[in-house]
N, C-alpha and C. Protein backbone atom coordinates (compact mmCIF):
# COMPACT_ATOMS: atom_id res chain seq x y z
N UNK A 1 -16.54 15.56 -13.65
CA UNK A 1 -15.36 16.13 -13.13
C UNK A 1 -14.21 15.15 -13.41
N UNK A 2 -13.15 15.79 -14.04
CA UNK A 2 -11.75 14.84 -14.67
C UNK A 2 -10.73 15.73 -14.34
N UNK A 3 -9.63 15.32 -14.07
CA UNK A 3 -8.45 15.98 -13.54
C UNK A 3 -7.92 17.28 -14.80
N UNK A 4 -8.39 16.97 -16.07
CA UNK A 4 -8.10 18.16 -16.91
C UNK A 4 -9.14 19.26 -16.76
N UNK A 5 -10.25 18.90 -16.47
CA UNK A 5 -11.02 20.26 -16.19
C UNK A 5 -10.43 20.84 -14.92
N UNK A 6 -10.27 20.06 -13.79
CA UNK A 6 -9.88 20.46 -12.64
C UNK A 6 -8.79 21.50 -12.86
N UNK A 7 -7.51 21.06 -13.80
CA UNK A 7 -6.13 21.71 -13.84
C UNK A 7 -6.70 23.11 -14.41
N UNK A 8 -7.43 22.94 -15.59
CA UNK A 8 -7.85 23.94 -16.37
C UNK A 8 -8.40 24.99 -15.51
N UNK A 9 -9.43 24.62 -14.53
CA UNK A 9 -9.76 25.49 -13.64
C UNK A 9 -9.10 26.16 -12.69
N UNK A 10 -8.08 25.21 -12.22
CA UNK A 10 -7.23 25.75 -11.16
C UNK A 10 -6.12 26.87 -12.01
N UNK A 11 -5.72 26.50 -13.29
CA UNK A 11 -4.76 27.17 -13.96
C UNK A 11 -5.62 28.63 -14.23
N UNK A 12 -6.65 29.02 -14.45
CA UNK A 12 -7.53 29.74 -14.78
C UNK A 12 -7.22 31.14 -13.38
N UNK A 13 -7.07 30.59 -12.50
CA UNK A 13 -7.22 31.16 -11.22
C UNK A 13 -6.04 32.08 -10.90
N UNK A 14 -4.91 31.74 -11.48
CA UNK A 14 -3.50 32.16 -11.42
C UNK A 14 -2.89 32.58 -12.49
N UNK A 15 -2.73 33.87 -12.61
CA UNK A 15 -2.43 34.55 -13.97
C UNK A 15 -0.68 34.49 -14.07
N UNK A 16 -0.14 34.31 -12.88
CA UNK A 16 1.22 34.33 -12.81
C UNK A 16 1.98 32.57 -13.40
N UNK A 17 0.82 31.85 -13.49
CA UNK A 17 1.40 30.46 -13.87
C UNK A 17 1.28 30.65 -15.31
N UNK A 18 2.55 30.11 -16.09
CA UNK A 18 2.50 29.85 -17.25
C UNK A 18 1.28 28.82 -17.81
N UNK A 19 0.81 28.84 -19.02
CA UNK A 19 -0.25 27.95 -19.29
C UNK A 19 0.39 26.71 -19.58
N UNK A 20 0.03 25.65 -19.15
CA UNK A 20 0.43 24.47 -19.44
C UNK A 20 1.37 23.77 -18.14
N UNK A 21 1.62 24.87 -17.45
CA UNK A 21 2.73 24.42 -16.28
C UNK A 21 2.16 23.12 -15.34
N UNK A 22 0.67 23.70 -15.00
CA UNK A 22 0.34 22.61 -14.04
C UNK A 22 -0.08 21.34 -14.89
N UNK A 23 0.40 20.19 -14.10
CA UNK A 23 -0.01 18.70 -14.46
C UNK A 23 -0.22 18.14 -13.23
N UNK A 24 -0.74 16.86 -13.67
CA UNK A 24 -1.28 15.89 -12.33
C UNK A 24 -0.05 15.88 -11.32
N UNK A 25 1.07 15.69 -12.03
CA UNK A 25 2.46 15.42 -10.81
C UNK A 25 3.04 16.70 -10.28
N UNK A 26 2.43 17.76 -10.82
CA UNK A 26 2.94 19.00 -10.56
C UNK A 26 2.91 19.46 -8.81
N UNK A 27 3.86 19.36 -8.23
CA UNK A 27 4.01 19.71 -6.67
C UNK A 27 3.50 21.12 -6.40
N UNK A 28 2.46 21.00 -5.64
CA UNK A 28 2.05 22.35 -5.21
C UNK A 28 3.06 23.40 -4.67
N UNK A 29 4.20 22.98 -3.94
CA UNK A 29 5.25 23.58 -3.57
C UNK A 29 6.05 24.25 -4.65
N UNK A 30 5.80 23.55 -5.93
CA UNK A 30 6.53 24.19 -7.08
C UNK A 30 6.07 25.44 -7.80
N UNK A 31 4.69 25.55 -7.41
CA UNK A 31 4.11 26.68 -8.05
C UNK A 31 4.74 28.10 -7.36
N UNK A 32 5.05 28.83 -8.35
CA UNK A 32 5.89 29.90 -7.87
C UNK A 32 4.97 30.98 -7.29
N UNK A 33 5.62 31.48 -5.91
CA UNK A 33 4.63 32.03 -5.28
C UNK A 33 3.88 31.71 -4.27
N UNK A 34 3.69 30.41 -4.53
CA UNK A 34 2.74 29.66 -3.40
C UNK A 34 2.59 30.14 -2.26
N UNK A 35 1.59 30.70 -1.70
CA UNK A 35 1.48 30.92 -0.27
C UNK A 35 0.16 31.07 0.06
N UNK A 36 -0.13 31.70 1.28
CA UNK A 36 -1.63 31.52 2.02
C UNK A 36 -2.74 32.22 1.02
N UNK A 37 -2.38 33.19 0.25
CA UNK A 37 -3.29 33.88 -0.68
C UNK A 37 -3.62 32.97 -1.66
N UNK A 38 -2.76 32.05 -2.38
CA UNK A 38 -3.19 31.22 -3.44
C UNK A 38 -3.66 30.23 -2.61
N UNK A 39 -3.60 29.72 -1.45
CA UNK A 39 -4.13 28.70 -0.77
C UNK A 39 -6.14 28.92 -0.74
N UNK A 40 -6.25 30.21 -0.37
CA UNK A 40 -7.33 31.00 -0.24
C UNK A 40 -8.24 31.00 -1.35
N UNK A 41 -7.48 31.24 -2.42
CA UNK A 41 -8.18 31.04 -4.01
C UNK A 41 -8.61 29.68 -4.38
N UNK A 42 -7.44 28.75 -4.16
CA UNK A 42 -7.84 27.43 -4.10
C UNK A 42 -9.00 26.92 -3.60
N UNK A 43 -8.94 27.17 -2.04
CA UNK A 43 -10.25 26.75 -1.44
C UNK A 43 -11.41 27.36 -2.06
N UNK A 44 -11.53 28.45 -2.06
CA UNK A 44 -12.76 29.30 -2.69
C UNK A 44 -13.09 28.73 -4.24
N UNK A 45 -12.27 28.43 -4.95
CA UNK A 45 -12.52 27.80 -6.24
C UNK A 45 -13.14 26.37 -6.12
N UNK A 46 -12.55 25.40 -4.97
CA UNK A 46 -13.06 24.07 -4.80
C UNK A 46 -14.70 24.31 -4.21
N UNK A 47 -14.63 25.08 -3.26
CA UNK A 47 -16.07 25.50 -2.81
C UNK A 47 -17.15 26.06 -3.79
N UNK A 48 -16.72 26.75 -4.53
CA UNK A 48 -17.58 27.40 -5.46
C UNK A 48 -18.07 26.17 -6.88
N UNK A 49 -16.90 25.66 -7.23
CA UNK A 49 -16.94 24.80 -8.25
C UNK A 49 -17.48 23.49 -7.92
N UNK A 50 -17.07 23.03 -7.03
CA UNK A 50 -17.37 21.44 -6.65
C UNK A 50 -18.36 21.49 -5.43
N UNK A 51 -18.71 22.26 -4.60
CA UNK A 51 -19.60 22.18 -3.48
C UNK A 51 -18.63 21.50 -2.13
N UNK A 52 -17.15 21.56 -2.36
CA UNK A 52 -16.59 21.03 -1.23
C UNK A 52 -15.77 22.04 -0.34
N UNK A 53 -16.14 21.97 1.04
CA UNK A 53 -15.39 22.71 1.70
C UNK A 53 -14.14 21.72 2.32
N UNK A 54 -13.23 22.71 1.75
CA UNK A 54 -11.62 22.36 1.92
C UNK A 54 -10.87 22.94 3.20
N UNK A 55 -10.39 22.46 4.07
CA UNK A 55 -9.89 23.02 5.05
C UNK A 55 -8.58 23.35 4.88
N UNK A 56 -7.60 24.47 5.40
CA UNK A 56 -6.37 24.80 5.15
C UNK A 56 -5.56 23.65 5.83
N UNK A 57 -5.91 22.72 6.82
CA UNK A 57 -4.87 21.83 7.01
C UNK A 57 -5.06 20.78 6.14
N UNK A 58 -6.22 20.52 5.61
CA UNK A 58 -6.35 19.35 4.67
C UNK A 58 -5.60 20.11 3.19
N UNK A 59 -5.77 21.10 2.85
CA UNK A 59 -4.91 21.48 1.84
C UNK A 59 -3.48 21.37 2.00
N UNK A 60 -2.80 21.22 3.09
CA UNK A 60 -1.49 21.32 3.67
C UNK A 60 -0.92 19.79 3.42
N UNK A 61 -2.03 18.82 3.62
CA UNK A 61 -1.56 17.53 3.54
C UNK A 61 -1.43 17.05 2.05
N UNK A 62 -1.69 17.85 0.98
CA UNK A 62 -1.48 17.43 -0.28
C UNK A 62 -0.40 17.78 -0.85
N UNK A 63 0.47 16.96 -1.70
CA UNK A 63 1.74 17.53 -2.26
C UNK A 63 1.52 17.83 -3.65
N UNK A 64 0.78 17.28 -4.39
CA UNK A 64 0.61 17.45 -5.89
C UNK A 64 -0.65 17.89 -6.14
N UNK A 65 -0.84 18.39 -7.69
CA UNK A 65 -2.11 18.88 -8.02
C UNK A 65 -3.19 17.40 -8.22
N UNK A 66 -2.56 16.44 -8.34
CA UNK A 66 -3.38 14.79 -8.49
C UNK A 66 -3.78 14.65 -7.29
N UNK A 67 -2.93 14.81 -6.02
CA UNK A 67 -3.64 14.55 -4.76
C UNK A 67 -4.47 15.58 -4.45
N UNK A 68 -4.45 16.54 -4.50
CA UNK A 68 -5.50 17.70 -4.64
C UNK A 68 -6.65 17.38 -5.09
N UNK A 69 -6.83 16.88 -6.51
CA UNK A 69 -7.98 16.45 -7.05
C UNK A 69 -8.55 15.34 -6.32
N UNK A 70 -7.76 14.32 -6.16
CA UNK A 70 -8.18 13.20 -5.45
C UNK A 70 -8.80 13.45 -4.11
N UNK A 71 -8.38 14.20 -3.53
CA UNK A 71 -8.84 14.56 -2.04
C UNK A 71 -10.38 15.50 -2.61
N UNK A 72 -10.57 16.10 -3.56
CA UNK A 72 -11.60 16.83 -3.75
C UNK A 72 -12.74 16.09 -4.16
N UNK A 73 -12.56 14.87 -5.02
CA UNK A 73 -13.21 13.85 -5.63
C UNK A 73 -13.48 13.10 -4.41
N UNK A 74 -12.86 12.65 -3.61
CA UNK A 74 -13.15 12.05 -2.38
C UNK A 74 -14.09 12.62 -1.37
N UNK A 75 -13.69 14.00 -1.27
CA UNK A 75 -14.78 14.68 -0.27
C UNK A 75 -15.98 14.87 -0.84
N UNK A 76 -16.22 15.06 -2.02
CA UNK A 76 -17.36 15.53 -2.95
C UNK A 76 -18.04 14.20 -2.77
N UNK A 77 -17.46 12.94 -3.15
CA UNK A 77 -18.12 11.54 -3.11
C UNK A 77 -18.60 11.04 -1.73
N UNK A 78 -18.28 11.67 -0.78
CA UNK A 78 -18.13 11.06 0.79
C UNK A 78 -18.16 12.18 1.75
N UNK A 79 -19.28 13.06 1.91
CA UNK A 79 -19.29 14.20 2.37
C UNK A 79 -19.48 13.94 4.22
N UNK A 80 -18.82 14.72 4.93
CA UNK A 80 -19.15 14.24 6.27
C UNK A 80 -20.36 14.56 6.93
């Protein structure tokens, strides 16, 4: 898994985000329309693609796409 693949998969889940908008430094709060539905989609994507169960409170702790990616990598490599 690398950040570019992660971004492509994330981008593919949102039809209302323009292609190329998401970058590692993109703030989650800058994603237009970000809300609980987007959060659920991201949690499902991460579970399906990476086998990582991400909780809502964990998702709220990250501010950027890079931080989200880093959290997923950390959880995948260090399961509880």
